[in-house]
Amino acid sequence: MSRYLYPYIRKILQSKEDHHMNSVIWNDFNNRLFELIKERFNLNSMRVKKLLNQTENNEIIVKSLLTLSLCISNQGYQKLKNFLFNI
C-alpha cells in the first residue's frame, strides 16, 4: 500500500508550514487510504469498520502514515530520517 500512497506521504512529510495545503494533502491521503482499504480488506470485519470510521481513527491514521513511510522501500527508514532532519 505504501507504493500507492507514496506521493501523499512525501508531501505530508515535506509540508511543514502551509496549514491550508497540509489539510488538503491530509484529506487526499485519507481518501486514498480508505479507497485502498475498501479494495483490499474484508469490509464485514469489525476492525475494518472501526478503521473506516473517520471520527475515531485519527490516531490510527497517523500511526499508519509513520508505518507506511518506513515501508516505502528498503531505504524507508533513511528516507524518513532525511525528511525529518531537513524540516
PDB file of N, CA and C in Angstrom:
ATOM      1  N   MET A   1       0.817  -1.194   0.000  1.00  0.00           N
ATOM      2  CA  MET A   1       0.000   0.000   0.000  1.00  0.00           C
ATOM      3  C   MET A   1       0.860   1.257   0.000  1.00  0.00           C
ATOM      4  N   SER A   2       2.049   1.151   0.554  1.00  0.00           N
ATOM      5  CA  SER A   2       2.877   2.350   0.655  1.00  0.00           C
ATOM      6  C   SER A   2       3.276   2.879  -0.725  1.00  0.00           C
ATOM      7  N   ARG A   3       3.414   1.989  -1.703  1.00  0.00           N
ATOM      8  CA  ARG A   3       3.741   2.460  -3.059  1.00  0.00           C
ATOM      9  C   ARG A   3       2.629   3.320  -3.632  1.00  0.00           C
ATOM     10  N   TYR A   4       1.385   2.976  -3.329  1.00  0.00           N
ATOM     11  CA  TYR A   4       0.247   3.720  -3.857  1.00  0.00           C
ATOM     12  C   TYR A   4       0.021   5.033  -3.112  1.00  0.00           C
ATOM     13  N   LEU A   5       0.535   5.117  -1.904  1.00  0.00           N
ATOM     14  CA  LEU A   5       0.355   6.317  -1.080  1.00  0.00           C
ATOM     15  C   LEU A   5       1.614   7.182  -1.024  1.00  0.00           C
ATOM     16  N   TYR A   6       2.680   6.762  -1.704  1.00  0.00           N
ATOM     17  CA  TYR A   6       3.962   7.463  -1.611  1.00  0.00           C
ATOM     18  C   TYR A   6       3.877   8.954  -1.928  1.00  0.00           C
ATOM     19  N   PRO A   7       3.204   9.377  -2.987  1.00  0.00           N
ATOM     20  CA  PRO A   7       3.160  10.829  -3.255  1.00  0.00           C
ATOM     21  C   PRO A   7       2.525  11.624  -2.118  1.00  0.00           C
ATOM     22  N   TYR A   8       1.503  11.075  -1.501  1.00  0.00           N
ATOM     23  CA  TYR A   8       0.839  11.759  -0.392  1.00  0.00           C
ATOM     24  C   TYR A   8       1.740  11.780   0.841  1.00  0.00           C
ATOM     25  N   ILE A   9       2.383  10.660   1.118  1.00  0.00           N
ATOM     26  CA  ILE A   9       3.271  10.573   2.280  1.00  0.00           C
ATOM     27  C   ILE A   9       4.408  11.571   2.135  1.00  0.00           C
ATOM     28  N   ARG A  10       4.973  11.633   0.962  1.00  0.00           N
ATOM     29  CA  ARG A  10       6.088  12.556   0.724  1.00  0.00           C
ATOM     30  C   ARG A  10       5.651  14.007   0.913  1.00  0.00           C
ATOM     31  N   LYS A  11       4.498  14.369   0.375  1.00  0.00           N
ATOM     32  CA  LYS A  11       4.008  15.740   0.520  1.00  0.00           C
ATOM     33  C   LYS A  11       3.713  16.077   1.977  1.00  0.00           C
ATOM     34  N   ILE A  12       3.139  15.133   2.714  1.00  0.00           N
ATOM     35  CA  ILE A  12       2.829  15.373   4.122  1.00  0.00           C
ATOM     36  C   ILE A  12       4.117  15.586   4.914  1.00  0.00           C
ATOM     37  N   LEU A  13       5.110  14.748   4.661  1.00  0.00           N
ATOM     38  CA  LEU A  13       6.364  14.879   5.391  1.00  0.00           C
ATOM     39  C   LEU A  13       7.120  16.150   5.014  1.00  0.00           C
ATOM     40  N   GLN A  14       6.968  16.625   3.795  1.00  0.00           N
ATOM     41  CA  GLN A  14       7.673  17.823   3.361  1.00  0.00           C
ATOM     42  C   GLN A  14       6.940  19.108   3.717  1.00  0.00           C
ATOM     43  N   SER A  15       5.642  19.064   3.887  1.00  0.00           N
ATOM     44  CA  SER A  15       4.895  20.278   4.207  1.00  0.00           C
ATOM     45  C   SER A  15       5.015  20.543   5.701  1.00  0.00           C
ATOM     46  N   LYS A  16       5.533  21.703   6.039  1.00  0.00           N
ATOM     47  CA  LYS A  16       5.751  21.972   7.452  1.00  0.00           C
ATOM     48  C   LYS A  16       5.093  23.255   7.923  1.00  0.00           C
ATOM     49  N   GLU A  17       4.759  24.169   7.037  1.00  0.00           N
ATOM     50  CA  GLU A  17       4.207  25.438   7.490  1.00  0.00           C
ATOM     51  C   GLU A  17       2.876  25.797   6.867  1.00  0.00           C
ATOM     52  N   ASP A  18       2.602  25.332   5.695  1.00  0.00           N
ATOM     53  CA  ASP A  18       1.383  25.709   4.986  1.00  0.00           C
ATOM     54  C   ASP A  18       0.226  24.842   5.480  1.00  0.00           C
ATOM     55  N   HIS A  19      -0.514  25.332   6.475  1.00  0.00           N
ATOM     56  CA  HIS A  19      -1.577  24.540   7.095  1.00  0.00           C
ATOM     57  C   HIS A  19      -2.734  24.279   6.134  1.00  0.00           C
ATOM     58  N   HIS A  20      -3.045  25.244   5.285  1.00  0.00           N
ATOM     59  CA  HIS A  20      -4.132  25.023   4.321  1.00  0.00           C
ATOM     60  C   HIS A  20      -3.756  23.920   3.349  1.00  0.00           C
ATOM     61  N   MET A  21      -2.569  23.987   2.787  1.00  0.00           N
ATOM     62  CA  MET A  21      -2.123  22.960   1.847  1.00  0.00           C
ATOM     63  C   MET A  21      -1.982  21.619   2.571  1.00  0.00           C
ATOM     64  N   ASN A  22      -1.531  21.669   3.806  1.00  0.00           N
ATOM     65  CA  ASN A  22      -1.364  20.453   4.581  1.00  0.00           C
ATOM     66  C   ASN A  22      -2.706  19.753   4.795  1.00  0.00           C
ATOM     67  N   SER A  23      -3.764  20.512   5.052  1.00  0.00           N
ATOM     68  CA  SER A  23      -5.079  19.884   5.236  1.00  0.00           C
ATOM     69  C   SER A  23      -5.581  19.261   3.940  1.00  0.00           C
ATOM     70  N   VAL A  24      -5.292  19.878   2.814  1.00  0.00           N
ATOM     71  CA  VAL A  24      -5.676  19.298   1.515  1.00  0.00           C
ATOM     72  C   VAL A  24      -4.935  17.990   1.287  1.00  0.00           C
ATOM     73  N   ILE A  25      -3.660  17.972   1.607  1.00  0.00           N
ATOM     74  CA  ILE A  25      -2.855  16.764   1.425  1.00  0.00           C
ATOM     75  C   ILE A  25      -3.348  15.652   2.359  1.00  0.00           C
ATOM     76  N   TRP A  26      -3.642  16.011   3.620  1.00  0.00           N
ATOM     77  CA  TRP A  26      -4.157  15.022   4.567  1.00  0.00           C
ATOM     78  C   TRP A  26      -5.479  14.444   4.085  1.00  0.00           C
ATOM     79  N   ASN A  27      -6.351  15.277   3.570  1.00  0.00           N
ATOM     80  CA  ASN A  27      -7.637  14.789   3.053  1.00  0.00           C
ATOM     81  C   ASN A  27      -7.433  13.852   1.877  1.00  0.00           C
ATOM     82  N   ASP A  28      -6.521  14.213   0.977  1.00  0.00           N
ATOM     83  CA  ASP A  28      -6.220  13.339  -0.158  1.00  0.00           C
ATOM     84  C   ASP A  28      -5.646  12.005   0.315  1.00  0.00           C
ATOM     85  N   PHE A  29      -4.733  12.089   1.282  1.00  0.00           N
ATOM     86  CA  PHE A  29      -4.132  10.874   1.839  1.00  0.00           C
ATOM     87  C   PHE A  29      -5.201   9.982   2.474  1.00  0.00           C
ATOM     88  N   ASN A  30      -6.065  10.576   3.286  1.00  0.00           N
ATOM     89  CA  ASN A  30      -7.139   9.809   3.931  1.00  0.00           C
ATOM     90  C   ASN A  30      -8.059   9.172   2.910  1.00  0.00           C
ATOM     91  N   ASN A  31      -8.453   9.930   1.904  1.00  0.00           N
ATOM     92  CA  ASN A  31      -9.345   9.393   0.874  1.00  0.00           C
ATOM     93  C   ASN A  31      -8.710   8.221   0.145  1.00  0.00           C
ATOM     94  N   ARG A  32      -7.450   8.370  -0.228  1.00  0.00           N
ATOM     95  CA  ARG A  32      -6.774   7.298  -0.960  1.00  0.00           C
ATOM     96  C   ARG A  32      -6.572   6.071  -0.067  1.00  0.00           C
ATOM     97  N   LEU A  33      -6.218   6.299   1.198  1.00  0.00           N
ATOM     98  CA  LEU A  33      -6.051   5.194   2.129  1.00  0.00           C
ATOM     99  C   LEU A  33      -7.358   4.431   2.299  1.00  0.00           C
ATOM    100  N   PHE A  34      -8.474   5.142   2.459  1.00  0.00           N
ATOM    101  CA  PHE A  34      -9.773   4.486   2.606  1.00  0.00           C
ATOM    102  C   PHE A  34     -10.158   3.728   1.340  1.00  0.00           C
ATOM    103  N   GLU A  35      -9.830   4.276   0.177  1.00  0.00           N
ATOM    104  CA  GLU A  35     -10.101   3.551  -1.071  1.00  0.00           C
ATOM    105  C   GLU A  35      -9.334   2.238  -1.112  1.00  0.00           C
ATOM    106  N   LEU A  36      -8.051   2.286  -0.744  1.00  0.00           N
ATOM    107  CA  LEU A  36      -7.238   1.071  -0.756  1.00  0.00           C
ATOM    108  C   LEU A  36      -7.729   0.054   0.270  1.00  0.00           C
ATOM    109  N   ILE A  37      -8.145   0.522   1.426  1.00  0.00           N
ATOM    110  CA  ILE A  37      -8.674  -0.380   2.449  1.00  0.00           C
ATOM    111  C   ILE A  37      -9.946  -1.053   1.936  1.00  0.00           C
ATOM    112  N   LYS A  38     -10.816  -0.285   1.310  1.00  0.00           N
ATOM    113  CA  LYS A  38     -12.064  -0.850   0.787  1.00  0.00           C
ATOM    114  C   LYS A  38     -11.802  -1.859  -0.317  1.00  0.00           C
ATOM    115  N   GLU A  39     -10.739  -1.647  -1.098  1.00  0.00           N
ATOM    116  CA  GLU A  39     -10.406  -2.572  -2.182  1.00  0.00           C
ATOM    117  C   GLU A  39      -9.808  -3.876  -1.657  1.00  0.00           C
ATOM    118  N   ARG A  40      -9.028  -3.811  -0.580  1.00  0.00           N
ATOM    119  CA  ARG A  40      -8.191  -4.942  -0.204  1.00  0.00           C
ATOM    120  C   ARG A  40      -8.570  -5.644   1.092  1.00  0.00           C
ATOM    121  N   PHE A  41      -9.390  -5.052   1.903  1.00  0.00           N
ATOM    122  CA  PHE A  41      -9.727  -5.631   3.204  1.00  0.00           C
ATOM    123  C   PHE A  41     -11.153  -6.167   3.193  1.00  0.00           C
ATOM    124  N   ASN A  42     -11.434  -7.013   4.168  1.00  0.00           N
ATOM    125  CA  ASN A  42     -12.772  -7.565   4.349  1.00  0.00           C
ATOM    126  C   ASN A  42     -13.633  -6.508   5.037  1.00  0.00           C
ATOM    127  N   LEU A  43     -14.577  -5.934   4.328  1.00  0.00           N
ATOM    128  CA  LEU A  43     -15.392  -4.850   4.853  1.00  0.00           C
ATOM    129  C   LEU A  43     -16.398  -5.316   5.901  1.00  0.00           C
ATOM    130  N   ASN A  44     -16.589  -6.607   6.039  1.00  0.00           N
ATOM    131  CA  ASN A  44     -17.504  -7.135   7.055  1.00  0.00           C
ATOM    132  C   ASN A  44     -16.840  -7.267   8.420  1.00  0.00           C
ATOM    133  N   SER A  45     -15.538  -7.136   8.468  1.00  0.00           N
ATOM    134  CA  SER A  45     -14.812  -7.248   9.728  1.00  0.00           C
ATOM    135  C   SER A  45     -15.063  -6.014  10.592  1.00  0.00           C
ATOM    136  N   MET A  46     -15.240  -6.234  11.884  1.00  0.00           N
ATOM    137  CA  MET A  46     -15.484  -5.119  12.806  1.00  0.00           C
ATOM    138  C   MET A  46     -14.262  -4.210  12.897  1.00  0.00           C
ATOM    139  N   ARG A  47     -13.075  -4.771  12.810  1.00  0.00           N
ATOM    140  CA  ARG A  47     -11.851  -3.960  12.865  1.00  0.00           C
ATOM    141  C   ARG A  47     -11.745  -3.036  11.658  1.00  0.00           C
ATOM    142  N   VAL A  48     -12.110  -3.539  10.522  1.00  0.00           N
ATOM    143  CA  VAL A  48     -12.068  -2.710   9.316  1.00  0.00           C
ATOM    144  C   VAL A  48     -13.140  -1.635   9.381  1.00  0.00           C
ATOM    145  N   LYS A  49     -14.300  -1.973   9.882  1.00  0.00           N
ATOM    146  CA  LYS A  49     -15.357  -0.966  10.042  1.00  0.00           C
ATOM    147  C   LYS A  49     -14.915   0.141  10.989  1.00  0.00           C
ATOM    148  N   LYS A  50     -14.235  -0.242  12.062  1.00  0.00           N
ATOM    149  CA  LYS A  50     -13.731   0.758  13.005  1.00  0.00           C
ATOM    150  C   LYS A  50     -12.661   1.621  12.345  1.00  0.00           C
ATOM    151  N   LEU A  51     -11.823   1.013  11.541  1.00  0.00           N
ATOM    152  CA  LEU A  51     -10.785   1.755  10.832  1.00  0.00           C
ATOM    153  C   LEU A  51     -11.381   2.756   9.852  1.00  0.00           C
ATOM    154  N   LEU A  52     -12.461   2.380   9.213  1.00  0.00           N
ATOM    155  CA  LEU A  52     -13.098   3.263   8.236  1.00  0.00           C
ATOM    156  C   LEU A  52     -13.959   4.343   8.879  1.00  0.00           C
ATOM    157  N   ASN A  53     -14.197   4.234  10.181  1.00  0.00           N
ATOM    158  CA  ASN A  53     -14.957   5.254  10.893  1.00  0.00           C
ATOM    159  C   ASN A  53     -14.056   6.480  11.076  1.00  0.00           C
ATOM    160  N   GLN A  54     -14.319   7.535  10.335  1.00  0.00           N
ATOM    161  CA  GLN A  54     -13.421   8.688  10.289  1.00  0.00           C
ATOM    162  C   GLN A  54     -13.424   9.507  11.574  1.00  0.00           C
ATOM    163  N   THR A  55     -14.424   9.368  12.416  1.00  0.00           N
ATOM    164  CA  THR A  55     -14.472  10.160  13.635  1.00  0.00           C
ATOM    165  C   THR A  55     -13.566   9.607  14.725  1.00  0.00           C
ATOM    166  N   GLU A  56     -13.229   8.325  14.656  1.00  0.00           N
ATOM    167  CA  GLU A  56     -12.452   7.678  15.708  1.00  0.00           C
ATOM    168  C   GLU A  56     -11.019   7.346  15.335  1.00  0.00           C
ATOM    169  N   ASN A  57     -10.622   7.507  14.102  1.00  0.00           N
ATOM    170  CA  ASN A  57      -9.372   6.899  13.670  1.00  0.00           C
ATOM    171  C   ASN A  57      -8.223   7.860  13.389  1.00  0.00           C
ATOM    172  N   ASN A  58      -8.219   9.060  13.921  1.00  0.00           N
ATOM    173  CA  ASN A  58      -7.123   9.989  13.655  1.00  0.00           C
ATOM    174  C   ASN A  58      -5.783   9.441  14.127  1.00  0.00           C
ATOM    175  N   GLU A  59      -5.761   8.849  15.293  1.00  0.00           N
ATOM    176  CA  GLU A  59      -4.511   8.290  15.814  1.00  0.00           C
ATOM    177  C   GLU A  59      -4.038   7.117  14.955  1.00  0.00           C
ATOM    178  N   ILE A  60      -4.960   6.309  14.509  1.00  0.00           N
ATOM    179  CA  ILE A  60      -4.616   5.167  13.659  1.00  0.00           C
ATOM    180  C   ILE A  60      -4.052   5.651  12.322  1.00  0.00           C
ATOM    181  N   ILE A  61      -4.610   6.720  11.786  1.00  0.00           N
ATOM    182  CA  ILE A  61      -4.133   7.262  10.511  1.00  0.00           C
ATOM    183  C   ILE A  61      -2.706   7.768  10.651  1.00  0.00           C
ATOM    184  N   VAL A  62      -2.410   8.464  11.735  1.00  0.00           N
ATOM    185  CA  VAL A  62      -1.050   8.974  11.954  1.00  0.00           C
ATOM    186  C   VAL A  62      -0.069   7.820  12.110  1.00  0.00           C
ATOM    187  N   LYS A  63      -0.455   6.791  12.850  1.00  0.00           N
ATOM    188  CA  LYS A  63       0.405   5.614  13.008  1.00  0.00           C
ATOM    189  C   LYS A  63       0.593   4.899  11.669  1.00  0.00           C
ATOM    190  N   SER A  64      -0.464   4.843  10.876  1.00  0.00           N
ATOM    191  CA  SER A  64      -0.366   4.217   9.554  1.00  0.00           C
ATOM    192  C   SER A  64       0.574   5.002   8.655  1.00  0.00           C
ATOM    193  N   LEU A  65       0.492   6.326   8.733  1.00  0.00           N
ATOM    194  CA  LEU A  65       1.392   7.166   7.942  1.00  0.00           C
ATOM    195  C   LEU A  65       2.843   6.883   8.290  1.00  0.00           C
ATOM    196  N   LEU A  66       3.145   6.806   9.571  1.00  0.00           N
ATOM    197  CA  LEU A  66       4.510   6.517  10.000  1.00  0.00           C
ATOM    198  C   LEU A  66       4.949   5.142   9.532  1.00  0.00           C
ATOM    199  N   THR A  67       4.104   4.151   9.723  1.00  0.00           N
ATOM    200  CA  THR A  67       4.436   2.786   9.313  1.00  0.00           C
ATOM    201  C   THR A  67       4.643   2.699   7.803  1.00  0.00           C
ATOM    202  N   LEU A  68       3.740   3.302   7.049  1.00  0.00           N
ATOM    203  CA  LEU A  68       3.859   3.262   5.593  1.00  0.00           C
ATOM    204  C   LEU A  68       5.082   4.032   5.100  1.00  0.00           C
ATOM    205  N   SER A  69       5.429   5.115   5.785  1.00  0.00           N
ATOM    206  CA  SER A  69       6.613   5.874   5.368  1.00  0.00           C
ATOM    207  C   SER A  69       7.881   5.059   5.585  1.00  0.00           C
ATOM    208  N   LEU A  70       7.886   4.197   6.587  1.00  0.00           N
ATOM    209  CA  LEU A  70       9.036   3.324   6.814  1.00  0.00           C
ATOM    210  C   LEU A  70       9.062   2.140   5.855  1.00  0.00           C
ATOM    211  N   CYS A  71       7.926   1.816   5.246  1.00  0.00           N
ATOM    212  CA  CYS A  71       7.819   0.652   4.373  1.00  0.00           C
ATOM    213  C   CYS A  71       7.884   1.000   2.893  1.00  0.00           C
ATOM    214  N   ILE A  72       8.132   2.237   2.568  1.00  0.00           N
ATOM    215  CA  ILE A  72       8.113   2.658   1.172  1.00  0.00           C
ATOM    216  C   ILE A  72       9.129   1.874   0.353  1.00  0.00           C
ATOM    217  N   SER A  73      10.305   1.677   0.902  1.00  0.00           N
ATOM    218  CA  SER A  73      11.337   0.908   0.208  1.00  0.00           C
ATOM    219  C   SER A  73      12.275   0.323   1.248  1.00  0.00           C
ATOM    220  N   ASN A  74      13.315  -0.340   0.794  1.00  0.00           N
ATOM    221  CA  ASN A  74      14.297  -0.881   1.726  1.00  0.00           C
ATOM    222  C   ASN A  74      15.017   0.236   2.466  1.00  0.00           C
ATOM    223  N   GLN A  75      15.075   1.414   1.873  1.00  0.00           N
ATOM    224  CA  GLN A  75      15.716   2.558   2.495  1.00  0.00           C
ATOM    225  C   GLN A  75      14.689   3.494   3.119  1.00  0.00           C
ATOM    226  N   GLY A  76      13.518   2.986   3.459  1.00  0.00           N
ATOM    227  CA  GLY A  76      12.438   3.807   4.003  1.00  0.00           C
ATOM    228  C   GLY A  76      12.831   4.527   5.270  1.00  0.00           C
ATOM    229  N   TYR A  77      13.543   3.852   6.159  1.00  0.00           N
ATOM    230  CA  TYR A  77      13.974   4.481   7.399  1.00  0.00           C
ATOM    231  C   TYR A  77      14.898   5.651   7.100  1.00  0.00           C
ATOM    232  N   GLN A  78      15.842   5.438   6.202  1.00  0.00           N
ATOM    233  CA  GLN A  78      16.793   6.505   5.859  1.00  0.00           C
ATOM    234  C   GLN A  78      16.092   7.678   5.189  1.00  0.00           C
ATOM    235  N   LYS A  79      15.126   7.407   4.318  1.00  0.00           N
ATOM    236  CA  LYS A  79      14.375   8.486   3.677  1.00  0.00           C
ATOM    237  C   LYS A  79      13.579   9.289   4.694  1.00  0.00           C
ATOM    238  N   LEU A  80      12.915   8.597   5.628  1.00  0.00           N
ATOM    239  CA  LEU A  80      12.152   9.293   6.657  1.00  0.00           C
ATOM    240  C   LEU A  80      13.084  10.132   7.530  1.00  0.00           C
ATOM    241  N   LYS A  81      14.219   9.599   7.890  1.00  0.00           N
ATOM    242  CA  LYS A  81      15.204  10.317   8.698  1.00  0.00           C
ATOM    243  C   LYS A  81      15.679  11.572   7.968  1.00  0.00           C
ATOM    244  N   ASN A  82      15.958  11.463   6.681  1.00  0.00           N
ATOM    245  CA  ASN A  82      16.397  12.623   5.905  1.00  0.00           C
ATOM    246  C   ASN A  82      15.307  13.689   5.821  1.00  0.00           C
ATOM    247  N   PHE A  83      14.066  13.289   5.609  1.00  0.00           N
ATOM    248  CA  PHE A  83      12.961  14.233   5.571  1.00  0.00           C
ATOM    249  C   PHE A  83      12.833  14.995   6.882  1.00  0.00           C
ATOM    250  N   LEU A  84      12.928  14.263   7.985  1.00  0.00           N
ATOM    251  CA  LEU A  84      12.745  14.884   9.294  1.00  0.00           C
ATOM    252  C   LEU A  84      13.917  15.799   9.658  1.00  0.00           C
ATOM    253  N   PHE A  85      15.113  15.453   9.238  1.00  0.00           N
ATOM    254  CA  PHE A  85      16.260  16.323   9.505  1.00  0.00           C
ATOM    255  C   PHE A  85      16.218  17.602   8.673  1.00  0.00           C
ATOM    256  N   ASN A  86      15.602  17.536   7.496  1.00  0.00           N
ATOM    257  CA  ASN A  86      15.521  18.712   6.627  1.00  0.00           C
ATOM    258  C   ASN A  86      14.420  19.675   7.048  1.00  0.00           C
ATOM    259  N   ILE A  87      13.564  19.257   7.953  1.00  0.00           N
ATOM    260  CA  ILE A  87      12.471  20.134   8.401  1.00  0.00           C
ATOM    261  C   ILE A  87      12.972  21.137   9.329  1.00  0.00           C
TER     262      ILE A  87
END
